[in-house]
């Protein structure tokens, strides 16, 4: 997530929708909060 945020900022994006194809998949409130907490230069 941290490197992806940097890549997105370099590429001109200020916001991303992050897909749930992770392990575990994003299917709980805790998983959603985990991703949101990684936002920095780019909103997730």
ModelCIF file with pLDDT and N, C-alpha, C, O atoms, coordinates in Angstrom:
data_MODEL
#
_entry.id   MODEL 
#
_entity.id                         1 
_entity.type                       polymer 
_entity.pdbx_number_of_molecules   1 
#
_entity_poly.entity_id                      1 
_entity_poly.type                           'polypeptide(L)' 
_entity_poly.nstd_linkage                   no 
_entity_poly.nstd_monomer                   no 
_entity_poly.pdbx_seq_one_letter_code       
;(UNK)(UNK)(UNK)(UNK)(UNK)(UNK)(UNK)(UNK)(UNK)(UNK)(UNK)(UNK)(UNK)(UNK)(UNK)(UNK)
(UNK)(UNK)(UNK)(UNK)(UNK)(UNK)(UNK)(UNK)(UNK)(UNK)(UNK)(UNK)(UNK)(UNK)(UNK)(UNK)
(UNK)(UNK)(UNK)(UNK)(UNK)(UNK)(UNK)(UNK)(UNK)(UNK)(UNK)(UNK)
;
_entity_poly.pdbx_seq_one_letter_code_can   XXXXXXXXXXXXXXXXXXXXXXXXXXXXXXXXXXXXXXXXXXXX 
_entity_poly.pdbx_strand_id                 A 
#
loop_
_entity_poly_seq.entity_id 
_entity_poly_seq.num 
_entity_poly_seq.mon_id 
_entity_poly_seq.hetero 
1 1  UNK n 
1 2  UNK n 
1 3  UNK n 
1 4  UNK n 
1 5  UNK n 
1 6  UNK n 
1 7  UNK n 
1 8  UNK n 
1 9  UNK n 
1 10 UNK n 
1 11 UNK n 
1 12 UNK n 
1 13 UNK n 
1 14 UNK n 
1 15 UNK n 
1 16 UNK n 
1 17 UNK n 
1 18 UNK n 
1 19 UNK n 
1 20 UNK n 
1 21 UNK n 
1 22 UNK n 
1 23 UNK n 
1 24 UNK n 
1 25 UNK n 
1 26 UNK n 
1 27 UNK n 
1 28 UNK n 
1 29 UNK n 
1 30 UNK n 
1 31 UNK n 
1 32 UNK n 
1 33 UNK n 
1 34 UNK n 
1 35 UNK n 
1 36 UNK n 
1 37 UNK n 
1 38 UNK n 
1 39 UNK n 
1 40 UNK n 
1 41 UNK n 
1 42 UNK n 
1 43 UNK n 
1 44 UNK n 
#
_struct_asym.id          A 
_struct_asym.entity_id   1 
#
loop_
_ma_qa_metric.id 
_ma_qa_metric.mode 
_ma_qa_metric.name 
_ma_qa_metric.software_group_id 
_ma_qa_metric.type 
1 global pLDDT . pLDDT 
2 local  pLDDT . pLDDT 
#
_ma_qa_metric_global.metric_id      1 
_ma_qa_metric_global.metric_value   97.20 
_ma_qa_metric_global.model_id       1 
_ma_qa_metric_global.ordinal_id     1 
#
loop_
_ma_qa_metric_local.label_asym_id 
_ma_qa_metric_local.label_comp_id 
_ma_qa_metric_local.label_seq_id 
_ma_qa_metric_local.metric_id 
_ma_qa_metric_local.metric_value 
_ma_qa_metric_local.model_id 
_ma_qa_metric_local.ordinal_id 
A UNK 1  2 97.00 1 1  
A UNK 2  2 97.00 1 2  
A UNK 3  2 97.00 1 3  
A UNK 4  2 97.00 1 4  
A UNK 5  2 97.00 1 5  
A UNK 6  2 97.00 1 6  
A UNK 7  2 97.00 1 7  
A UNK 8  2 98.00 1 8  
A UNK 9  2 98.00 1 9  
A UNK 10 2 98.00 1 10 
A UNK 11 2 98.00 1 11 
A UNK 12 2 98.00 1 12 
A UNK 13 2 98.00 1 13 
A UNK 14 2 98.00 1 14 
A UNK 15 2 98.00 1 15 
A UNK 16 2 98.00 1 16 
A UNK 17 2 98.00 1 17 
A UNK 18 2 98.00 1 18 
A UNK 19 2 98.00 1 19 
A UNK 20 2 98.00 1 20 
A UNK 21 2 97.00 1 21 
A UNK 22 2 97.00 1 22 
A UNK 23 2 96.00 1 23 
A UNK 24 2 97.00 1 24 
A UNK 25 2 97.00 1 25 
A UNK 26 2 98.00 1 26 
A UNK 27 2 98.00 1 27 
A UNK 28 2 97.00 1 28 
A UNK 29 2 97.00 1 29 
A UNK 30 2 97.00 1 30 
A UNK 31 2 98.00 1 31 
A UNK 32 2 98.00 1 32 
A UNK 33 2 98.00 1 33 
A UNK 34 2 97.00 1 34 
A UNK 35 2 97.00 1 35 
A UNK 36 2 97.00 1 36 
A UNK 37 2 96.00 1 37 
A UNK 38 2 95.00 1 38 
A UNK 39 2 95.00 1 39 
A UNK 40 2 92.00 1 40 
A UNK 41 2 96.00 1 41 
A UNK 42 2 98.00 1 42 
A UNK 43 2 98.00 1 43 
A UNK 44 2 98.00 1 44 
#
loop_
_atom_site.group_PDB 
_atom_site.id 
_atom_site.type_symbol 
_atom_site.label_atom_id 
_atom_site.label_alt_id 
_atom_site.label_comp_id 
_atom_site.label_asym_id 
_atom_site.label_entity_id 
_atom_site.label_seq_id 
_atom_site.pdbx_PDB_ins_code 
_atom_site.Cartn_x 
_atom_site.Cartn_y 
_atom_site.Cartn_z 
_atom_site.occupancy 
_atom_site.B_iso_or_equiv 
_atom_site.pdbx_formal_charge 
_atom_site.auth_seq_id 
_atom_site.auth_comp_id 
_atom_site.auth_asym_id 
_atom_site.auth_atom_id 
_atom_site.pdbx_PDB_model_num 
ATOM 1   N N  . UNK A 1 1  ? 0.817   -1.206  0.000   1.00 97.00 ? 1  UNK A N  1 
ATOM 2   C CA . UNK A 1 1  ? 0.000   0.000   0.000   1.00 97.00 ? 1  UNK A CA 1 
ATOM 3   C C  . UNK A 1 1  ? 0.853   1.260   0.000   1.00 97.00 ? 1  UNK A C  1 
ATOM 4   O O  . UNK A 1 1  ? 0.528   2.220   -0.698  1.00 97.00 ? 1  UNK A O  1 
ATOM 5   N N  . UNK A 1 2  ? 1.929   1.276   0.760   1.00 97.00 ? 2  UNK A N  1 
ATOM 6   C CA . UNK A 1 2  ? 2.770   2.479   0.831   1.00 97.00 ? 2  UNK A CA 1 
ATOM 7   C C  . UNK A 1 2  ? 3.432   2.771   -0.504  1.00 97.00 ? 2  UNK A C  1 
ATOM 8   O O  . UNK A 1 2  ? 3.448   3.920   -0.946  1.00 97.00 ? 2  UNK A O  1 
ATOM 9   N N  . UNK A 1 3  ? 3.974   1.760   -1.147  1.00 97.00 ? 3  UNK A N  1 
ATOM 10  C CA . UNK A 1 3  ? 4.590   1.994   -2.452  1.00 97.00 ? 3  UNK A CA 1 
ATOM 11  C C  . UNK A 1 3  ? 3.536   2.314   -3.506  1.00 97.00 ? 3  UNK A C  1 
ATOM 12  O O  . UNK A 1 3  ? 3.764   3.147   -4.383  1.00 97.00 ? 3  UNK A O  1 
ATOM 13  N N  . UNK A 1 4  ? 2.390   1.659   -3.420  1.00 97.00 ? 4  UNK A N  1 
ATOM 14  C CA . UNK A 1 4  ? 1.322   1.943   -4.365  1.00 97.00 ? 4  UNK A CA 1 
ATOM 15  C C  . UNK A 1 4  ? 0.832   3.376   -4.277  1.00 97.00 ? 4  UNK A C  1 
ATOM 16  O O  . UNK A 1 4  ? 0.521   3.993   -5.296  1.00 97.00 ? 4  UNK A O  1 
ATOM 17  N N  . UNK A 1 5  ? 0.760   3.907   -3.064  1.00 97.00 ? 5  UNK A N  1 
ATOM 18  C CA . UNK A 1 5  ? 0.377   5.308   -2.879  1.00 97.00 ? 5  UNK A CA 1 
ATOM 19  C C  . UNK A 1 5  ? 1.396   6.229   -3.545  1.00 97.00 ? 5  UNK A C  1 
ATOM 20  O O  . UNK A 1 5  ? 1.018   7.198   -4.204  1.00 97.00 ? 5  UNK A O  1 
ATOM 21  N N  . UNK A 1 6  ? 2.677   5.936   -3.378  1.00 97.00 ? 6  UNK A N  1 
ATOM 22  C CA . UNK A 1 6  ? 3.714   6.742   -4.015  1.00 97.00 ? 6  UNK A CA 1 
ATOM 23  C C  . UNK A 1 6  ? 3.604   6.679   -5.541  1.00 97.00 ? 6  UNK A C  1 
ATOM 24  O O  . UNK A 1 6  ? 3.715   7.700   -6.219  1.00 97.00 ? 6  UNK A O  1 
ATOM 25  N N  . UNK A 1 7  ? 3.386   5.478   -6.072  1.00 97.00 ? 7  UNK A N  1 
ATOM 26  C CA . UNK A 1 7  ? 3.232   5.299   -7.522  1.00 97.00 ? 7  UNK A CA 1 
ATOM 27  C C  . UNK A 1 7  ? 2.054   6.116   -8.032  1.00 97.00 ? 7  UNK A C  1 
ATOM 28  O O  . UNK A 1 7  ? 2.152   6.783   -9.062  1.00 97.00 ? 7  UNK A O  1 
ATOM 29  N N  . UNK A 1 8  ? 0.935   6.062   -7.306  1.00 98.00 ? 8  UNK A N  1 
ATOM 30  C CA . UNK A 1 8  ? -0.256  6.795   -7.729  1.00 98.00 ? 8  UNK A CA 1 
ATOM 31  C C  . UNK A 1 8  ? -0.020  8.297   -7.740  1.00 98.00 ? 8  UNK A C  1 
ATOM 32  O O  . UNK A 1 8  ? -0.437  8.986   -8.670  1.00 98.00 ? 8  UNK A O  1 
ATOM 33  N N  . UNK A 1 9  ? 0.650   8.810   -6.707  1.00 98.00 ? 9  UNK A N  1 
ATOM 34  C CA . UNK A 1 9  ? 0.931   10.244  -6.649  1.00 98.00 ? 9  UNK A CA 1 
ATOM 35  C C  . UNK A 1 9  ? 1.833   10.665  -7.803  1.00 98.00 ? 9  UNK A C  1 
ATOM 36  O O  . UNK A 1 9  ? 1.589   11.687  -8.444  1.00 98.00 ? 9  UNK A O  1 
ATOM 37  N N  . UNK A 1 10 ? 2.869   9.885   -8.067  1.00 98.00 ? 10 UNK A N  1 
ATOM 38  C CA . UNK A 1 10 ? 3.752   10.177  -9.199  1.00 98.00 ? 10 UNK A CA 1 
ATOM 39  C C  . UNK A 1 10 ? 2.999   10.160  -10.524 1.00 98.00 ? 10 UNK A C  1 
ATOM 40  O O  . UNK A 1 10 ? 3.376   10.844  -11.475 1.00 98.00 ? 10 UNK A O  1 
ATOM 41  N N  . UNK A 1 11 ? 1.931   9.370   -10.572 1.00 98.00 ? 11 UNK A N  1 
ATOM 42  C CA . UNK A 1 11 ? 1.173   9.191   -11.802 1.00 98.00 ? 11 UNK A CA 1 
ATOM 43  C C  . UNK A 1 11 ? 0.023   10.177  -11.939 1.00 98.00 ? 11 UNK A C  1 
ATOM 44  O O  . UNK A 1 11 ? -0.692  10.153  -12.941 1.00 98.00 ? 11 UNK A O  1 
ATOM 45  N N  . UNK A 1 12 ? -0.166  11.044  -10.950 1.00 98.00 ? 12 UNK A N  1 
ATOM 46  C CA . UNK A 1 12 ? -1.161  12.101  -11.056 1.00 98.00 ? 12 UNK A CA 1 
ATOM 47  C C  . UNK A 1 12 ? -2.458  11.863  -10.324 1.00 98.00 ? 12 UNK A C  1 
ATOM 48  O O  . UNK A 1 12 ? -3.375  12.677  -10.435 1.00 98.00 ? 12 UNK A O  1 
ATOM 49  N N  . UNK A 1 13 ? -2.573  10.773  -9.574  1.00 98.00 ? 13 UNK A N  1 
ATOM 50  C CA . UNK A 1 13 ? -3.822  10.452  -8.894  1.00 98.00 ? 13 UNK A CA 1 
ATOM 51  C C  . UNK A 1 13 ? -3.825  11.003  -7.464  1.00 98.00 ? 13 UNK A C  1 
ATOM 52  O O  . UNK A 1 13 ? -2.819  10.948  -6.757  1.00 98.00 ? 13 UNK A O  1 
ATOM 53  N N  . UNK A 1 14 ? -4.966  11.526  -7.067  1.00 98.00 ? 14 UNK A N  1 
ATOM 54  C CA . UNK A 1 14 ? -5.128  11.963  -5.682  1.00 98.00 ? 14 UNK A CA 1 
ATOM 55  C C  . UNK A 1 14 ? -6.072  11.052  -4.912  1.00 98.00 ? 14 UNK A C  1 
ATOM 56  O O  . UNK A 1 14 ? -6.226  11.211  -3.701  1.00 98.00 ? 14 UNK A O  1 
ATOM 57  N N  . UNK A 1 15 ? -6.711  10.094  -5.594  1.00 98.00 ? 15 UNK A N  1 
ATOM 58  C CA . UNK A 1 15 ? -7.626  9.173   -4.915  1.00 98.00 ? 15 UNK A CA 1 
ATOM 59  C C  . UNK A 1 15 ? -7.677  7.856   -5.679  1.00 98.00 ? 15 UNK A C  1 
ATOM 60  O O  . UNK A 1 15 ? -7.647  7.832   -6.909  1.00 98.00 ? 15 UNK A O  1 
ATOM 61  N N  . UNK A 1 16 ? -7.756  6.755   -4.921  1.00 98.00 ? 16 UNK A N  1 
ATOM 62  C CA . UNK A 1 16 ? -7.844  5.419   -5.502  1.00 98.00 ? 16 UNK A CA 1 
ATOM 63  C C  . UNK A 1 16 ? -8.959  4.642   -4.819  1.00 98.00 ? 16 UNK A C  1 
ATOM 64  O O  . UNK A 1 16 ? -9.191  4.791   -3.619  1.00 98.00 ? 16 UNK A O  1 
ATOM 65  N N  . UNK A 1 17 ? -9.646  3.811   -5.598  1.00 98.00 ? 17 UNK A N  1 
ATOM 66  C CA . UNK A 1 17 ? -10.522 2.793   -5.048  1.00 98.00 ? 17 UNK A CA 1 
ATOM 67  C C  . UNK A 1 17 ? -9.750  1.490   -5.009  1.00 98.00 ? 17 UNK A C  1 
ATOM 68  O O  . UNK A 1 17 ? -9.315  0.995   -6.048  1.00 98.00 ? 17 UNK A O  1 
ATOM 69  N N  . UNK A 1 18 ? -9.573  0.922   -3.807  1.00 98.00 ? 18 UNK A N  1 
ATOM 70  C CA . UNK A 1 18 ? -8.720  -0.249  -3.628  1.00 98.00 ? 18 UNK A CA 1 
ATOM 71  C C  . UNK A 1 18 ? -9.577  -1.514  -3.636  1.00 98.00 ? 18 UNK A C  1 
ATOM 72  O O  . UNK A 1 18 ? -10.476 -1.679  -2.812  1.00 98.00 ? 18 UNK A O  1 
ATOM 73  N N  . UNK A 1 19 ? -9.279  -2.399  -4.581  1.00 98.00 ? 19 UNK A N  1 
ATOM 74  C CA . UNK A 1 19 ? -10.063 -3.614  -4.765  1.00 98.00 ? 19 UNK A CA 1 
ATOM 75  C C  . UNK A 1 19 ? -9.785  -4.635  -3.643  1.00 98.00 ? 19 UNK A C  1 
ATOM 76  O O  . UNK A 1 19 ? -8.728  -4.590  -3.014  1.00 98.00 ? 19 UNK A O  1 
ATOM 77  N N  . UNK A 1 20 ? -10.734 -5.552  -3.395  1.00 98.00 ? 20 UNK A N  1 
ATOM 78  C CA . UNK A 1 20 ? -10.626 -6.441  -2.233  1.00 98.00 ? 20 UNK A CA 1 
ATOM 79  C C  . UNK A 1 20 ? -9.878  -7.748  -2.485  1.00 98.00 ? 20 UNK A C  1 
ATOM 80  O O  . UNK A 1 20 ? -9.948  -8.660  -1.662  1.00 98.00 ? 20 UNK A O  1 
ATOM 81  N N  . UNK A 1 21 ? -9.166  -7.854  -3.605  1.00 97.00 ? 21 UNK A N  1 
ATOM 82  C CA . UNK A 1 21 ? -8.493  -9.125  -3.948  1.00 97.00 ? 21 UNK A CA 1 
ATOM 83  C C  . UNK A 1 21 ? -7.173  -9.271  -3.192  1.00 97.00 ? 21 UNK A C  1 
ATOM 84  O O  . UNK A 1 21 ? -6.097  -9.343  -3.785  1.00 97.00 ? 21 UNK A O  1 
ATOM 85  N N  . UNK A 1 22 ? -7.290  -9.312  -1.866  1.00 97.00 ? 22 UNK A N  1 
ATOM 86  C CA . UNK A 1 22 ? -6.149  -9.458  -0.971  1.00 97.00 ? 22 UNK A CA 1 
ATOM 87  C C  . UNK A 1 22 ? -6.339  -10.752 -0.178  1.00 97.00 ? 22 UNK A C  1 
ATOM 88  O O  . UNK A 1 22 ? -7.286  -11.503 -0.413  1.00 97.00 ? 22 UNK A O  1 
ATOM 89  N N  . UNK A 1 23 ? -5.438  -10.999 0.750   1.00 96.00 ? 23 UNK A N  1 
ATOM 90  C CA . UNK A 1 23 ? -5.547  -12.197 1.581   1.00 96.00 ? 23 UNK A CA 1 
ATOM 91  C C  . UNK A 1 23 ? -5.256  -11.817 3.039   1.00 96.00 ? 23 UNK A C  1 
ATOM 92  O O  . UNK A 1 23 ? -4.091  -11.621 3.384   1.00 96.00 ? 23 UNK A O  1 
ATOM 93  N N  . UNK A 1 24 ? -6.265  -11.707 3.900   1.00 97.00 ? 24 UNK A N  1 
ATOM 94  C CA . UNK A 1 24 ? -7.675  -11.982 3.614   1.00 97.00 ? 24 UNK A CA 1 
ATOM 95  C C  . UNK A 1 24 ? -8.314  -10.889 2.764   1.00 97.00 ? 24 UNK A C  1 
ATOM 96  O O  . UNK A 1 24 ? -7.791  -9.780  2.660   1.00 97.00 ? 24 UNK A O  1 
ATOM 97  N N  . UNK A 1 25 ? -9.450  -11.219 2.161   1.00 97.00 ? 25 UNK A N  1 
ATOM 98  C CA . UNK A 1 25 ? -10.132 -10.240 1.330   1.00 97.00 ? 25 UNK A CA 1 
ATOM 99  C C  . UNK A 1 25 ? -10.702 -9.138  2.211   1.00 97.00 ? 25 UNK A C  1 
ATOM 100 O O  . UNK A 1 25 ? -10.894 -9.328  3.412   1.00 97.00 ? 25 UNK A O  1 
ATOM 101 N N  . UNK A 1 26 ? -10.969 -7.989  1.610   1.00 98.00 ? 26 UNK A N  1 
ATOM 102 C CA . UNK A 1 26 ? -11.539 -6.853  2.337   1.00 98.00 ? 26 UNK A CA 1 
ATOM 103 C C  . UNK A 1 26 ? -13.036 -7.084  2.503   1.00 98.00 ? 26 UNK A C  1 
ATOM 104 O O  . UNK A 1 26 ? -13.824 -6.785  1.605   1.00 98.00 ? 26 UNK A O  1 
ATOM 105 N N  . UNK A 1 27 ? -13.422 -7.620  3.663   1.00 98.00 ? 27 UNK A N  1 
ATOM 106 C CA . UNK A 1 27 ? -14.833 -7.948  3.873   1.00 98.00 ? 27 UNK A CA 1 
ATOM 107 C C  . UNK A 1 27 ? -15.323 -7.633  5.284   1.00 98.00 ? 27 UNK A C  1 
ATOM 108 O O  . UNK A 1 27 ? -16.398 -8.075  5.690   1.00 98.00 ? 27 UNK A O  1 
ATOM 109 N N  . UNK A 1 28 ? -14.526 -6.866  6.025   1.00 97.00 ? 28 UNK A N  1 
ATOM 110 C CA . UNK A 1 28 ? -14.919 -6.472  7.377   1.00 97.00 ? 28 UNK A CA 1 
ATOM 111 C C  . UNK A 1 28 ? -14.614 -4.993  7.594   1.00 97.00 ? 28 UNK A C  1 
ATOM 112 O O  . UNK A 1 28 ? -13.856 -4.378  6.843   1.00 97.00 ? 28 UNK A O  1 
ATOM 113 N N  . UNK A 1 29 ? -15.224 -4.443  8.640   1.00 97.00 ? 29 UNK A N  1 
ATOM 114 C CA . UNK A 1 29 ? -14.946 -3.059  9.011   1.00 97.00 ? 29 UNK A CA 1 
ATOM 115 C C  . UNK A 1 29 ? -13.464 -2.879  9.338   1.00 97.00 ? 29 UNK A C  1 
ATOM 116 O O  . UNK A 1 29 ? -12.876 -1.856  8.987   1.00 97.00 ? 29 UNK A O  1 
ATOM 117 N N  . UNK A 1 30 ? -12.864 -3.848  9.997   1.00 97.00 ? 30 UNK A N  1 
ATOM 118 C CA . UNK A 1 30 ? -11.444 -3.752  10.350  1.00 97.00 ? 30 UNK A CA 1 
ATOM 119 C C  . UNK A 1 30 ? -10.569 -3.716  9.107   1.00 97.00 ? 30 UNK A C  1 
ATOM 120 O O  . UNK A 1 30 ? -9.590  -2.971  9.063   1.00 97.00 ? 30 UNK A O  1 
ATOM 121 N N  . UNK A 1 31 ? -10.905 -4.506  8.102   1.00 98.00 ? 31 UNK A N  1 
ATOM 122 C CA . UNK A 1 31 ? -10.122 -4.521  6.863   1.00 98.00 ? 31 UNK A CA 1 
ATOM 123 C C  . UNK A 1 31 ? -10.236 -3.195  6.129   1.00 98.00 ? 31 UNK A C  1 
ATOM 124 O O  . UNK A 1 31 ? -9.255  -2.706  5.567   1.00 98.00 ? 31 UNK A O  1 
ATOM 125 N N  . UNK A 1 32 ? -11.430 -2.611  6.131   1.00 98.00 ? 32 UNK A N  1 
ATOM 126 C CA . UNK A 1 32 ? -11.626 -1.298  5.516   1.00 98.00 ? 32 UNK A CA 1 
ATOM 127 C C  . UNK A 1 32 ? -10.779 -0.248  6.238   1.00 98.00 ? 32 UNK A C  1 
ATOM 128 O O  . UNK A 1 32 ? -10.120 0.572   5.600   1.00 98.00 ? 32 UNK A O  1 
ATOM 129 N N  . UNK A 1 33 ? -10.803 -0.281  7.561   1.00 98.00 ? 33 UNK A N  1 
ATOM 130 C CA . UNK A 1 33 ? -10.018 0.689   8.339   1.00 98.00 ? 33 UNK A CA 1 
ATOM 131 C C  . UNK A 1 33 ? -8.523  0.513   8.125   1.00 98.00 ? 33 UNK A C  1 
ATOM 132 O O  . UNK A 1 33 ? -7.776  1.492   8.128   1.00 98.00 ? 33 UNK A O  1 
ATOM 133 N N  . UNK A 1 34 ? -8.082  -0.724  7.941   1.00 97.00 ? 34 UNK A N  1 
ATOM 134 C CA . UNK A 1 34 ? -6.660  -0.987  7.689   1.00 97.00 ? 34 UNK A CA 1 
ATOM 135 C C  . UNK A 1 34 ? -6.190  -0.276  6.424   1.00 97.00 ? 34 UNK A C  1 
ATOM 136 O O  . UNK A 1 34 ? -5.126  0.343   6.408   1.00 97.00 ? 34 UNK A O  1 
ATOM 137 N N  . UNK A 1 35 ? -6.990  -0.370  5.369   1.00 97.00 ? 35 UNK A N  1 
ATOM 138 C CA . UNK A 1 35 ? -6.610  0.274   4.111   1.00 97.00 ? 35 UNK A CA 1 
ATOM 139 C C  . UNK A 1 35 ? -6.658  1.790   4.246   1.00 97.00 ? 35 UNK A C  1 
ATOM 140 O O  . UNK A 1 35 ? -5.737  2.481   3.810   1.00 97.00 ? 35 UNK A O  1 
ATOM 141 N N  . UNK A 1 36 ? -7.706  2.306   4.836   1.00 97.00 ? 36 UNK A N  1 
ATOM 142 C CA . UNK A 1 36 ? -7.838  3.758   4.967   1.00 97.00 ? 36 UNK A CA 1 
ATOM 143 C C  . UNK A 1 36 ? -6.681  4.362   5.765   1.00 97.00 ? 36 UNK A C  1 
ATOM 144 O O  . UNK A 1 36 ? -6.253  5.485   5.498   1.00 97.00 ? 36 UNK A O  1 
ATOM 145 N N  . UNK A 1 37 ? -6.185  3.614   6.735   1.00 96.00 ? 37 UNK A N  1 
ATOM 146 C CA . UNK A 1 37 ? -5.098  4.118   7.576   1.00 96.00 ? 37 UNK A CA 1 
ATOM 147 C C  . UNK A 1 37 ? -3.793  4.270   6.815   1.00 96.00 ? 37 UNK A C  1 
ATOM 148 O O  . UNK A 1 37 ? -2.885  4.959   7.281   1.00 96.00 ? 37 UNK A O  1 
ATOM 149 N N  . UNK A 1 38 ? -3.681  3.636   5.647   1.00 95.00 ? 38 UNK A N  1 
ATOM 150 C CA . UNK A 1 38 ? -2.458  3.698   4.842   1.00 95.00 ? 38 UNK A CA 1 
ATOM 151 C C  . UNK A 1 38 ? -2.449  4.893   3.895   1.00 95.00 ? 38 UNK A C  1 
ATOM 152 O O  . UNK A 1 38 ? -1.460  5.122   3.200   1.00 95.00 ? 38 UNK A O  1 
ATOM 153 N N  . UNK A 1 39 ? -3.531  5.649   3.861   1.00 95.00 ? 39 UNK A N  1 
ATOM 154 C CA . UNK A 1 39 ? -3.590  6.810   2.971   1.00 95.00 ? 39 UNK A CA 1 
ATOM 155 C C  . UNK A 1 39 ? -2.563  7.848   3.399   1.00 95.00 ? 39 UNK A C  1 
ATOM 156 O O  . UNK A 1 39 ? -2.338  8.065   4.590   1.00 95.00 ? 39 UNK A O  1 
ATOM 157 N N  . UNK A 1 40 ? -1.945  8.483   2.415   1.00 92.00 ? 40 UNK A N  1 
ATOM 158 C CA . UNK A 1 40 ? -0.962  9.531   2.701   1.00 92.00 ? 40 UNK A CA 1 
ATOM 159 C C  . UNK A 1 40 ? -1.068  10.615  1.635   1.00 92.00 ? 40 UNK A C  1 
ATOM 160 O O  . UNK A 1 40 ? -1.910  11.507  1.740   1.00 92.00 ? 40 UNK A O  1 
ATOM 161 N N  . UNK A 1 41 ? -0.227  10.544  0.618   1.00 96.00 ? 41 UNK A N  1 
ATOM 162 C CA . UNK A 1 41 ? -0.299  11.499  -0.477  1.00 96.00 ? 41 UNK A CA 1 
ATOM 163 C C  . UNK A 1 41 ? -1.594  11.349  -1.262  1.00 96.00 ? 41 UNK A C  1 
ATOM 164 O O  . UNK A 1 41 ? -2.083  12.305  -1.864  1.00 96.00 ? 41 UNK A O  1 
ATOM 165 N N  . UNK A 1 42 ? -2.138  10.151  -1.249  1.00 98.00 ? 42 UNK A N  1 
ATOM 166 C CA . UNK A 1 42 ? -3.325  9.804   -2.026  1.00 98.00 ? 42 UNK A CA 1 
ATOM 167 C C  . UNK A 1 42 ? -4.396  9.287   -1.075  1.00 98.00 ? 42 UNK A C  1 
ATOM 168 O O  . UNK A 1 42 ? -4.095  8.513   -0.166  1.00 98.00 ? 42 UNK A O  1 
ATOM 169 N N  . UNK A 1 43 ? -5.640  9.706   -1.274  1.00 98.00 ? 43 UNK A N  1 
ATOM 170 C CA . UNK A 1 43 ? -6.757  9.190   -0.480  1.00 98.00 ? 43 UNK A CA 1 
ATOM 171 C C  . UNK A 1 43 ? -7.098  7.779   -0.950  1.00 98.00 ? 43 UNK A C  1 
ATOM 172 O O  . UNK A 1 43 ? -7.155  7.521   -2.152  1.00 98.00 ? 43 UNK A O  1 
ATOM 173 N N  . UNK A 1 44 ? -7.322  6.875   -0.013  1.00 98.00 ? 44 UNK A N  1 
ATOM 174 C CA . UNK A 1 44 ? -7.639  5.487   -0.329  1.00 98.00 ? 44 UNK A CA 1 
ATOM 175 C C  . UNK A 1 44 ? -9.078  5.182   0.074   1.00 98.00 ? 44 UNK A C  1 
ATOM 176 O O  . UNK A 1 44 ? -9.545  4.057   -0.109  1.00 98.00 ? 44 UNK A O  1 
#
